[in-house]
C-alpha atoms as a PDB file:
ATOM      1  CA  TYR A   1      95.908  81.977  81.501  1.00  0.00           C
ATOM      2  CA  PHE A   2      94.660  84.629  79.068  1.00  0.00           C
ATOM      3  CA  THR A   3      97.918  84.675  77.073  1.00  0.00           C
ATOM      4  CA  HIS A   4      97.613  80.993  76.267  1.00  0.00           C
ATOM      5  CA  TRP A   5      94.713  81.934  73.952  1.00  0.00           C
ATOM      6  CA  VAL A   6      96.333  85.018  72.504  1.00  0.00           C
ATOM      7  CA  PRO A   7      97.834  84.430  68.963  1.00  0.00           C
ATOM      8  CA  GLU A   8     101.654  84.244  68.897  1.00  0.00           C
ATOM      9  CA  ARG A   9     101.705  87.141  66.571  1.00  0.00           C
ATOM     10  CA  TRP A  10     100.103  89.395  69.251  1.00  0.00           C
ATOM     11  CA  LYS A  11     102.559  88.224  71.914  1.00  0.00           C
ATOM     12  CA  LEU A  12     105.466  89.048  69.526  1.00  0.00           C
ATOM     13  CA  ASP A  13     104.139  92.432  68.721  1.00  0.00           C
ATOM     14  CA  LEU A  14     103.698  93.286  72.423  1.00  0.00           C
ATOM     15  CA  LEU A  15     107.269  92.220  73.202  1.00  0.00           C
ATOM     16  CA  ASN A  16     108.561  94.353  70.375  1.00  0.00           C
ATOM     17  CA  VAL A  17     106.664  97.430  71.611  1.00  0.00           C
ATOM     18  CA  PHE A  18     108.005  96.843  75.143  1.00  0.00           C
ATOM     19  CA  ILE A  19     111.522  96.409  73.771  1.00  0.00           C
ATOM     20  CA  ARG A  20     111.162  99.832  71.924  1.00  0.00           C
ATOM     21  CA  THR A  21     109.924 101.768  74.970  1.00  0.00           C
ATOM     22  CA  PRO A  22     112.267 104.047  76.686  1.00  0.00           C
ATOM     23  CA  LEU A  23     113.776 102.950  80.072  1.00  0.00           C
ATOM     24  CA  TRP A  24     111.515 105.306  82.151  1.00  0.00           C
ATOM     25  CA  ALA A  25     108.390 103.685  80.699  1.00  0.00           C
ATOM     26  CA  LYS A  26     109.840 100.256  81.318  1.00  0.00           C
ATOM     27  CA  ILE A  27     110.360 101.198  84.911  1.00  0.00           C
ATOM     28  CA  LEU A  28     106.871 102.705  85.340  1.00  0.00           C
ATOM     29  CA  ILE A  29     105.309  99.584  83.723  1.00  0.00           C
ATOM     30  CA  THR A  30     107.207  97.360  86.058  1.00  0.00           C
ATOM     31  CA  ILE A  31     106.297  99.366  89.179  1.00  0.00           C
ATOM     32  CA  LEU A  32     102.665  99.342  88.113  1.00  0.00           C
ATOM     33  CA  MET A  33     102.663  95.634  87.531  1.00  0.00           C
ATOM     34  CA  VAL A  34     104.292  95.008  90.945  1.00  0.00           C
ATOM     35  CA  PHE A  35     101.700  97.268  92.546  1.00  0.00           C
ATOM     36  CA  VAL A  36      98.710  95.495  90.980  1.00  0.00           C
ATOM     37  CA  ILE A  37     100.099  92.080  91.852  1.00  0.00           C
ATOM     38  CA  TYR A  38     100.722  93.144  95.419  1.00  0.00           C
ATOM     39  CA  GLN A  39      97.184  94.567  95.749  1.00  0.00           C
ATOM     40  CA  SER A  40      95.564  91.449  94.484  1.00  0.00           C
ATOM     41  CA  TRP A  41      97.821  89.303  96.792  1.00  0.00           C
ATOM     42  CA  SER A  42      97.270  91.238  99.850  1.00  0.00           C
ATOM     43  CA  ALA A  43      93.570  91.766  99.515  1.00  0.00           C
ATOM     44  CA  ASP A  44      91.617  89.721 102.178  1.00  0.00           C
ATOM     45  CA  LEU A  45      89.028  87.359 100.907  1.00  0.00           C
ATOM     46  CA  GLN A  46      85.461  88.261 102.116  1.00  0.00           C
ATOM     47  CA  PRO A  47      83.805  85.236 103.739  1.00  0.00           C
ATOM     48  CA  PHE A  48      80.650  84.039 102.267  1.00  0.00           C
ATOM     49  CA  ILE A  49      77.918  85.892 104.023  1.00  0.00           C
ATOM     50  CA  TYR A  50      75.794  82.842 104.988  1.00  0.00           C
ATOM     51  CA  PHE A  51      78.800  81.259 106.877  1.00  0.00           C
ATOM     52  CA  GLN A  52      78.805  84.141 109.367  1.00  0.00           C
ATOM     53  CA  PHE A  53      75.827  82.847 111.430  1.00  0.00           C
END
């Protein structure tokens, strides 16, 4: 959602930076992104406290 509001120039600059990074950095970035997505997906939602009566 956030990228919808970012200017196109910023997106192109970020893409160019990613393209120029070495392979080991791309692999590390990919692993970190998968880890963050997995952590947010597998986190249990805490029920609203007042519904536990």
